[in-house]
């Protein structure tokens, strides 16, 4: 998972995906480097680390647990207004997951680098008069008798 041979095939596939976003500069050098390549986009440079995983990650913070060492290494890259850090994971079945690594949070993003927020649950609003936004009496009003 975090040790072993370099994910050469995954990196080659990732470079192809990254090429759709901009120019890609692969980084040569030692095995334990903080990132595998840089995507040069019109408005920023994105430093990308690629790993393989045996399973898909179910939530964004799971990568902090599974890949502590790699994420800590990626944090060595300075985060400025024109840089970003991304962590890309390829599962055994060939699906990719992409994560944006900030100072204080991790969020899943699309392959093109765009963050898509999870759908909001429908919520009712209640005004101060105790009626809901559809004009009916508020069922959560404390004045109503509950059984």
N, C-alpha and C. Protein backbone atom coordinates (compact mmCIF):
# COMPACT_ATOMS: atom_id res chain seq x y z
N UNK A 1 0.84 -1.19 0.00
CA UNK A 1 0.00 0.00 0.00
C UNK A 1 0.88 1.25 0.00
N UNK A 2 1.67 1.45 1.02
CA UNK A 2 2.50 2.66 1.04
C UNK A 2 3.95 2.36 0.72
N UNK A 3 4.31 1.10 0.71
CA UNK A 3 5.69 0.73 0.38
C UNK A 3 5.66 -0.20 -0.81
N UNK A 4 6.83 -0.50 -1.33
CA UNK A 4 6.89 -1.40 -2.47
C UNK A 4 7.36 -0.65 -3.70
N UNK A 5 7.21 -1.30 -4.83
CA UNK A 5 7.70 -0.68 -6.06
C UNK A 5 6.85 0.52 -6.47
N UNK A 6 7.47 1.41 -7.22
CA UNK A 6 6.79 2.61 -7.69
C UNK A 6 5.63 2.23 -8.61
N UNK A 7 4.54 2.95 -8.54
CA UNK A 7 3.38 2.64 -9.40
C UNK A 7 3.58 3.20 -10.81
N UNK A 8 4.53 2.63 -11.54
CA UNK A 8 4.91 3.17 -12.85
C UNK A 8 3.73 3.21 -13.82
N UNK A 9 3.00 2.11 -13.92
CA UNK A 9 1.85 2.09 -14.84
C UNK A 9 0.79 3.10 -14.42
N UNK A 10 0.55 3.20 -13.12
CA UNK A 10 -0.44 4.16 -12.62
C UNK A 10 0.03 5.59 -12.90
N UNK A 11 1.32 5.85 -12.75
CA UNK A 11 1.84 7.19 -13.03
C UNK A 11 1.70 7.52 -14.51
N UNK A 12 2.00 6.57 -15.38
CA UNK A 12 1.83 6.80 -16.82
C UNK A 12 0.39 7.13 -17.16
N UNK A 13 -0.54 6.39 -16.56
CA UNK A 13 -1.97 6.64 -16.79
C UNK A 13 -2.37 8.00 -16.22
N UNK A 14 -1.83 8.33 -15.05
CA UNK A 14 -2.13 9.62 -14.41
C UNK A 14 -1.62 10.79 -15.25
N UNK A 15 -0.44 10.64 -15.83
CA UNK A 15 0.11 11.70 -16.68
C UNK A 15 -0.80 11.93 -17.89
N UNK A 16 -1.37 10.87 -18.41
CA UNK A 16 -2.31 11.01 -19.53
C UNK A 16 -3.56 11.79 -19.09
N UNK A 17 -4.08 11.48 -17.92
CA UNK A 17 -5.24 12.21 -17.38
C UNK A 17 -4.87 13.67 -17.14
N UNK A 18 -3.70 13.89 -16.56
CA UNK A 18 -3.25 15.24 -16.24
C UNK A 18 -3.03 16.08 -17.49
N UNK A 19 -2.66 15.45 -18.59
CA UNK A 19 -2.42 16.16 -19.84
C UNK A 19 -3.65 16.88 -20.36
N UNK A 20 -4.82 16.46 -19.94
CA UNK A 20 -6.07 17.13 -20.34
C UNK A 20 -6.24 18.46 -19.61
N UNK A 21 -5.51 18.64 -18.52
CA UNK A 21 -5.62 19.86 -17.71
C UNK A 21 -4.57 20.89 -18.04
N UNK A 22 -3.49 20.48 -18.66
CA UNK A 22 -2.42 21.42 -18.97
C UNK A 22 -1.15 20.68 -19.30
N UNK A 23 -0.05 21.41 -19.29
CA UNK A 23 1.25 20.82 -19.57
C UNK A 23 1.70 20.02 -18.34
N UNK A 24 2.33 18.87 -18.57
CA UNK A 24 2.76 18.02 -17.47
C UNK A 24 4.28 17.91 -17.47
N UNK A 25 4.87 18.16 -16.31
CA UNK A 25 6.31 18.01 -16.12
C UNK A 25 6.55 16.87 -15.15
N UNK A 26 7.11 15.77 -15.66
CA UNK A 26 7.43 14.66 -14.78
C UNK A 26 8.71 14.97 -14.03
N UNK A 27 8.78 14.49 -12.81
CA UNK A 27 9.92 14.75 -11.95
C UNK A 27 10.73 13.46 -11.83
N UNK A 28 11.99 13.55 -12.17
CA UNK A 28 12.85 12.40 -12.01
C UNK A 28 13.66 12.57 -10.74
N UNK A 29 14.09 11.47 -10.20
CA UNK A 29 14.90 11.57 -8.99
C UNK A 29 14.62 10.44 -8.06
N UNK A 30 14.89 10.68 -6.81
CA UNK A 30 14.78 9.60 -5.84
C UNK A 30 13.35 9.15 -5.60
N UNK A 31 13.25 7.95 -5.10
CA UNK A 31 11.97 7.29 -4.92
C UNK A 31 11.06 7.97 -3.90
N UNK A 32 11.59 8.54 -2.84
CA UNK A 32 10.78 9.09 -1.77
C UNK A 32 10.40 10.55 -1.95
N UNK A 33 10.39 11.04 -3.16
CA UNK A 33 10.10 12.46 -3.37
C UNK A 33 8.64 12.78 -3.02
N UNK A 34 8.38 14.05 -2.80
CA UNK A 34 7.06 14.49 -2.32
C UNK A 34 5.98 14.37 -3.38
N UNK A 35 6.32 14.46 -4.67
CA UNK A 35 5.32 14.42 -5.73
C UNK A 35 5.90 13.72 -6.95
N UNK A 36 5.01 13.26 -7.83
CA UNK A 36 5.42 12.51 -9.02
C UNK A 36 5.50 13.37 -10.27
N UNK A 37 4.63 14.38 -10.37
CA UNK A 37 4.66 15.29 -11.51
C UNK A 37 3.96 16.57 -11.17
N UNK A 38 4.13 17.56 -12.05
CA UNK A 38 3.51 18.87 -11.87
C UNK A 38 2.62 19.14 -13.08
N UNK A 39 1.39 19.57 -12.82
CA UNK A 39 0.50 20.01 -13.90
C UNK A 39 0.60 21.53 -13.95
N UNK A 40 0.98 22.04 -15.10
CA UNK A 40 1.09 23.49 -15.26
C UNK A 40 -0.18 23.96 -15.97
N UNK A 41 -1.09 24.51 -15.16
CA UNK A 41 -2.35 25.04 -15.66
C UNK A 41 -2.17 26.53 -15.92
N UNK A 42 -3.10 27.17 -16.61
CA UNK A 42 -2.96 28.61 -16.89
C UNK A 42 -2.87 29.48 -15.64
N UNK A 43 -3.54 29.08 -14.54
CA UNK A 43 -3.57 29.94 -13.36
C UNK A 43 -2.89 29.36 -12.13
N UNK A 44 -2.34 28.14 -12.23
CA UNK A 44 -1.66 27.55 -11.08
C UNK A 44 -0.82 26.35 -11.48
N UNK A 45 0.04 25.92 -10.58
CA UNK A 45 0.81 24.70 -10.73
C UNK A 45 0.32 23.71 -9.69
N UNK A 46 0.03 22.49 -10.15
CA UNK A 46 -0.51 21.46 -9.27
C UNK A 46 0.53 20.37 -9.09
N UNK A 47 0.91 20.12 -7.85
CA UNK A 47 1.87 19.08 -7.52
C UNK A 47 1.09 17.81 -7.18
N UNK A 48 1.36 16.72 -7.90
CA UNK A 48 0.55 15.51 -7.80
C UNK A 48 1.38 14.32 -7.33
N UNK A 49 0.85 13.62 -6.34
CA UNK A 49 1.41 12.35 -5.88
C UNK A 49 0.43 11.25 -6.25
N UNK A 50 0.94 10.15 -6.82
CA UNK A 50 0.10 9.05 -7.29
C UNK A 50 0.40 7.80 -6.48
N UNK A 51 -0.66 7.10 -6.07
CA UNK A 51 -0.52 5.83 -5.37
C UNK A 51 -1.54 4.84 -5.91
N UNK A 52 -1.26 3.57 -5.67
CA UNK A 52 -2.22 2.50 -5.97
C UNK A 52 -2.85 2.05 -4.67
N UNK A 53 -4.07 1.54 -4.76
CA UNK A 53 -4.76 1.06 -3.58
C UNK A 53 -5.45 -0.26 -3.91
N UNK A 54 -5.58 -1.10 -2.92
CA UNK A 54 -6.28 -2.37 -3.09
C UNK A 54 -7.79 -2.18 -3.15
N UNK A 55 -8.28 -1.09 -2.55
CA UNK A 55 -9.72 -0.82 -2.50
C UNK A 55 -9.98 0.65 -2.81
N UNK A 56 -11.23 0.96 -3.09
CA UNK A 56 -11.62 2.36 -3.25
C UNK A 56 -11.76 2.99 -1.87
N UNK A 57 -11.46 4.27 -1.81
CA UNK A 57 -11.59 5.00 -0.55
C UNK A 57 -13.04 5.48 -0.42
N UNK A 58 -13.61 5.30 0.74
CA UNK A 58 -15.02 5.63 0.89
C UNK A 58 -15.26 7.08 1.29
N UNK A 59 -14.28 7.72 1.91
CA UNK A 59 -14.43 9.12 2.26
C UNK A 59 -13.06 9.78 2.24
N UNK A 60 -13.05 11.08 2.07
CA UNK A 60 -11.80 11.81 1.83
C UNK A 60 -10.79 11.69 2.96
N UNK A 61 -11.23 11.72 4.20
CA UNK A 61 -10.30 11.67 5.32
C UNK A 61 -9.65 10.30 5.49
N UNK A 62 -10.17 9.30 4.81
CA UNK A 62 -9.58 7.97 4.88
C UNK A 62 -8.15 7.97 4.33
N UNK A 63 -7.87 8.85 3.38
CA UNK A 63 -6.51 8.87 2.84
C UNK A 63 -5.51 9.37 3.88
N UNK A 64 -5.95 10.21 4.81
CA UNK A 64 -5.05 10.66 5.88
C UNK A 64 -4.62 9.49 6.75
N UNK A 65 -5.51 8.55 6.93
CA UNK A 65 -5.19 7.37 7.73
C UNK A 65 -4.32 6.38 6.94
N UNK A 66 -4.70 6.10 5.72
CA UNK A 66 -3.99 5.10 4.92
C UNK A 66 -2.64 5.57 4.39
N UNK A 67 -2.54 6.85 4.08
CA UNK A 67 -1.34 7.37 3.43
C UNK A 67 -0.72 8.51 4.22
N UNK A 68 -0.58 8.33 5.52
CA UNK A 68 -0.04 9.38 6.38
C UNK A 68 1.32 9.87 5.91
N UNK A 69 2.21 8.96 5.61
CA UNK A 69 3.56 9.32 5.23
C UNK A 69 3.59 10.11 3.92
N UNK A 70 2.82 9.66 2.93
CA UNK A 70 2.80 10.33 1.64
C UNK A 70 2.17 11.71 1.73
N UNK A 71 1.09 11.83 2.51
CA UNK A 71 0.43 13.13 2.68
C UNK A 71 1.37 14.09 3.42
N UNK A 72 2.05 13.60 4.44
CA UNK A 72 3.00 14.45 5.17
C UNK A 72 4.12 14.92 4.24
N UNK A 73 4.57 14.04 3.36
CA UNK A 73 5.60 14.41 2.40
C UNK A 73 5.09 15.46 1.42
N UNK A 74 3.85 15.29 0.96
CA UNK A 74 3.24 16.25 0.03
C UNK A 74 3.06 17.61 0.68
N UNK A 75 2.91 17.63 1.99
CA UNK A 75 2.78 18.91 2.72
C UNK A 75 4.06 19.73 2.69
N UNK A 76 5.18 19.12 2.28
CA UNK A 76 6.43 19.88 2.15
C UNK A 76 6.37 20.87 0.99
N UNK A 77 5.47 20.62 0.06
CA UNK A 77 5.30 21.53 -1.08
C UNK A 77 4.58 22.79 -0.58
N UNK A 78 5.17 23.93 -0.82
CA UNK A 78 4.58 25.20 -0.37
C UNK A 78 3.22 25.42 -1.02
N UNK A 79 2.26 25.80 -0.21
CA UNK A 79 0.91 26.08 -0.70
C UNK A 79 0.75 27.59 -0.78
N UNK A 80 0.61 28.09 -2.01
CA UNK A 80 0.46 29.53 -2.23
C UNK A 80 -0.80 29.77 -3.06
N UNK A 81 -1.01 31.01 -3.48
CA UNK A 81 -2.18 31.33 -4.29
C UNK A 81 -2.07 30.75 -5.71
N UNK A 82 -0.88 30.31 -6.11
CA UNK A 82 -0.71 29.77 -7.46
C UNK A 82 -0.22 28.32 -7.46
N UNK A 83 -0.32 27.64 -6.30
CA UNK A 83 0.04 26.23 -6.24
C UNK A 83 -1.09 25.44 -5.59
N UNK A 84 -1.12 24.17 -5.90
CA UNK A 84 -2.07 23.25 -5.29
C UNK A 84 -1.38 21.91 -5.13
N UNK A 85 -1.89 21.11 -4.19
CA UNK A 85 -1.36 19.77 -3.96
C UNK A 85 -2.51 18.78 -4.12
N UNK A 86 -2.29 17.76 -4.94
CA UNK A 86 -3.32 16.75 -5.15
C UNK A 86 -2.74 15.36 -4.94
N UNK A 87 -3.57 14.49 -4.44
CA UNK A 87 -3.21 13.10 -4.19
C UNK A 87 -4.15 12.24 -5.02
N UNK A 88 -3.60 11.46 -5.93
CA UNK A 88 -4.41 10.65 -6.83
C UNK A 88 -4.23 9.18 -6.48
N UNK A 89 -5.34 8.44 -6.40
CA UNK A 89 -5.30 7.03 -6.03
C UNK A 89 -6.01 6.22 -7.11
N UNK A 90 -5.31 5.16 -7.56
CA UNK A 90 -5.89 4.25 -8.56
C UNK A 90 -6.15 2.92 -7.87
N UNK A 91 -7.41 2.46 -7.94
CA UNK A 91 -7.75 1.17 -7.34
C UNK A 91 -7.41 0.04 -8.31
N UNK A 92 -7.46 -1.18 -7.82
CA UNK A 92 -7.12 -2.34 -8.65
C UNK A 92 -8.01 -2.48 -9.87
N UNK A 93 -9.26 -2.05 -9.76
CA UNK A 93 -10.18 -2.20 -10.90
C UNK A 93 -10.02 -1.07 -11.92
N UNK A 94 -9.06 -0.17 -11.71
CA UNK A 94 -8.77 0.87 -12.69
C UNK A 94 -9.48 2.18 -12.48
N UNK A 95 -10.27 2.30 -11.43
CA UNK A 95 -10.94 3.58 -11.17
C UNK A 95 -10.00 4.50 -10.40
N UNK A 96 -10.17 5.78 -10.63
CA UNK A 96 -9.34 6.81 -10.01
C UNK A 96 -10.15 7.62 -9.02
N UNK A 97 -9.49 8.06 -7.97
CA UNK A 97 -10.04 9.05 -7.05
C UNK A 97 -8.99 10.14 -6.90
N UNK A 98 -9.47 11.38 -6.83
CA UNK A 98 -8.59 12.55 -6.81
C UNK A 98 -8.92 13.37 -5.57
N UNK A 99 -7.88 13.82 -4.86
CA UNK A 99 -8.08 14.57 -3.63
C UNK A 99 -7.22 15.83 -3.64
N UNK A 100 -7.81 16.92 -3.21
CA UNK A 100 -7.10 18.18 -3.03
C UNK A 100 -6.63 18.23 -1.58
N UNK A 101 -5.35 18.48 -1.38
CA UNK A 101 -4.76 18.51 -0.04
C UNK A 101 -4.48 19.96 0.33
N UNK A 102 -5.20 20.47 1.31
CA UNK A 102 -4.99 21.83 1.80
C UNK A 102 -4.28 21.75 3.15
N UNK A 103 -4.05 22.89 3.79
CA UNK A 103 -3.40 22.88 5.09
C UNK A 103 -4.24 22.16 6.13
N UNK A 104 -5.54 22.42 6.13
CA UNK A 104 -6.40 21.94 7.21
C UNK A 104 -7.52 21.01 6.78
N UNK A 105 -7.56 20.59 5.52
CA UNK A 105 -8.60 19.66 5.11
C UNK A 105 -8.22 18.97 3.81
N UNK A 106 -8.96 17.91 3.53
CA UNK A 106 -8.81 17.12 2.32
C UNK A 106 -10.20 17.03 1.70
N UNK A 107 -10.27 17.24 0.39
CA UNK A 107 -11.57 17.09 -0.27
C UNK A 107 -11.42 16.32 -1.58
N UNK A 108 -12.41 15.52 -1.88
CA UNK A 108 -12.40 14.78 -3.13
C UNK A 108 -12.78 15.72 -4.27
N UNK A 109 -12.09 15.60 -5.38
CA UNK A 109 -12.33 16.44 -6.55
C UNK A 109 -12.50 15.55 -7.77
N UNK A 110 -12.88 16.16 -8.88
CA UNK A 110 -12.97 15.44 -10.15
C UNK A 110 -11.60 15.39 -10.80
N UNK A 111 -11.48 14.61 -11.86
CA UNK A 111 -10.21 14.48 -12.59
C UNK A 111 -9.74 15.82 -13.15
N UNK A 112 -10.68 16.72 -13.45
CA UNK A 112 -10.30 18.01 -14.01
C UNK A 112 -9.93 19.03 -12.93
N UNK A 113 -9.92 18.61 -11.67
CA UNK A 113 -9.52 19.48 -10.58
C UNK A 113 -10.63 20.30 -9.97
N UNK A 114 -11.85 20.13 -10.43
CA UNK A 114 -12.97 20.91 -9.94
C UNK A 114 -13.63 20.20 -8.76
N UNK A 115 -13.91 20.96 -7.73
CA UNK A 115 -14.60 20.43 -6.55
C UNK A 115 -16.10 20.48 -6.79
N UNK A 116 -16.74 19.36 -6.61
CA UNK A 116 -18.19 19.29 -6.73
C UNK A 116 -18.74 18.98 -5.34
N UNK A 117 -19.44 19.93 -4.72
CA UNK A 117 -19.96 19.67 -3.37
C UNK A 117 -21.03 18.58 -3.40
N UNK A 118 -21.11 17.84 -2.30
CA UNK A 118 -22.15 16.83 -2.18
C UNK A 118 -23.51 17.50 -2.20
N UNK A 119 -24.50 16.78 -2.69
CA UNK A 119 -25.84 17.36 -2.77
C UNK A 119 -26.34 17.70 -1.37
N UNK A 120 -26.98 18.83 -1.27
CA UNK A 120 -27.54 19.23 0.02
C UNK A 120 -28.85 18.49 0.24
N UNK A 121 -29.07 18.14 1.47
CA UNK A 121 -30.36 17.53 1.80
C UNK A 121 -31.43 18.61 1.78
N UNK A 122 -32.63 18.28 1.35
CA UNK A 122 -33.69 19.30 1.38
C UNK A 122 -33.96 19.71 2.83
N UNK A 123 -34.09 20.99 3.02
CA UNK A 123 -34.32 21.50 4.37
C UNK A 123 -35.51 22.44 4.35
N UNK A 124 -36.29 22.39 5.39
CA UNK A 124 -37.42 23.31 5.53
C UNK A 124 -36.95 24.50 6.34
N UNK A 125 -37.47 25.63 5.97
CA UNK A 125 -37.18 26.82 6.77
C UNK A 125 -38.41 27.17 7.58
N UNK A 126 -38.21 27.68 8.75
CA UNK A 126 -39.31 28.07 9.62
C UNK A 126 -39.11 29.53 9.98
N UNK A 127 -40.17 30.33 9.77
CA UNK A 127 -40.04 31.74 10.17
C UNK A 127 -40.41 31.88 11.64
N UNK A 128 -40.24 33.05 12.18
CA UNK A 128 -40.46 33.27 13.60
C UNK A 128 -41.90 33.16 14.03
N UNK A 129 -42.83 33.21 13.10
CA UNK A 129 -44.25 33.10 13.47
C UNK A 129 -44.66 31.66 13.68
N UNK A 130 -43.77 30.70 13.42
CA UNK A 130 -44.09 29.30 13.67
C UNK A 130 -44.68 28.58 12.48
N UNK A 131 -44.63 29.20 11.30
CA UNK A 131 -45.14 28.51 10.12
C UNK A 131 -43.96 28.13 9.24
N UNK A 132 -44.12 27.04 8.52
CA UNK A 132 -43.04 26.61 7.64
C UNK A 132 -43.06 27.42 6.36
N UNK A 133 -42.09 27.20 5.51
CA UNK A 133 -41.99 27.97 4.27
C UNK A 133 -43.14 27.69 3.31
N UNK A 134 -43.90 26.60 3.55
CA UNK A 134 -45.05 26.32 2.67
C UNK A 134 -46.37 26.83 3.25
N UNK A 135 -46.29 27.55 4.41
CA UNK A 135 -47.48 28.18 4.98
C UNK A 135 -48.22 27.32 5.98
N UNK A 136 -47.85 26.06 6.14
CA UNK A 136 -48.53 25.20 7.11
C UNK A 136 -47.95 25.41 8.48
N UNK A 137 -48.70 24.96 9.50
CA UNK A 137 -48.18 25.06 10.86
C UNK A 137 -46.94 24.20 10.99
N UNK A 138 -46.00 24.68 11.76
CA UNK A 138 -44.75 23.96 11.96
C UNK A 138 -44.99 22.75 12.86
N UNK A 139 -44.73 21.54 12.37
CA UNK A 139 -44.95 20.35 13.20
C UNK A 139 -43.97 20.25 14.36
N UNK A 140 -42.92 21.00 14.34
CA UNK A 140 -41.95 20.96 15.43
C UNK A 140 -42.18 22.03 16.47
N UNK A 141 -43.27 22.75 16.33
CA UNK A 141 -43.59 23.82 17.27
C UNK A 141 -43.81 23.22 18.67
N UNK A 142 -43.24 23.83 19.72
CA UNK A 142 -43.40 23.30 21.06
C UNK A 142 -44.82 23.41 21.59
N UNK A 143 -45.67 24.22 20.96
CA UNK A 143 -47.04 24.39 21.45
C UNK A 143 -47.94 23.23 21.08
N UNK A 144 -47.52 22.40 20.14
CA UNK A 144 -48.36 21.29 19.72
C UNK A 144 -48.21 20.12 20.69
N UNK A 145 -49.28 19.39 20.84
CA UNK A 145 -49.29 18.22 21.72
C UNK A 145 -48.64 17.05 20.98
N UNK A 146 -47.66 16.42 21.61
CA UNK A 146 -47.01 15.25 20.99
C UNK A 146 -47.31 14.02 21.79
N UNK A 147 -47.58 12.92 21.11
CA UNK A 147 -47.90 11.69 21.82
C UNK A 147 -46.80 10.71 21.67
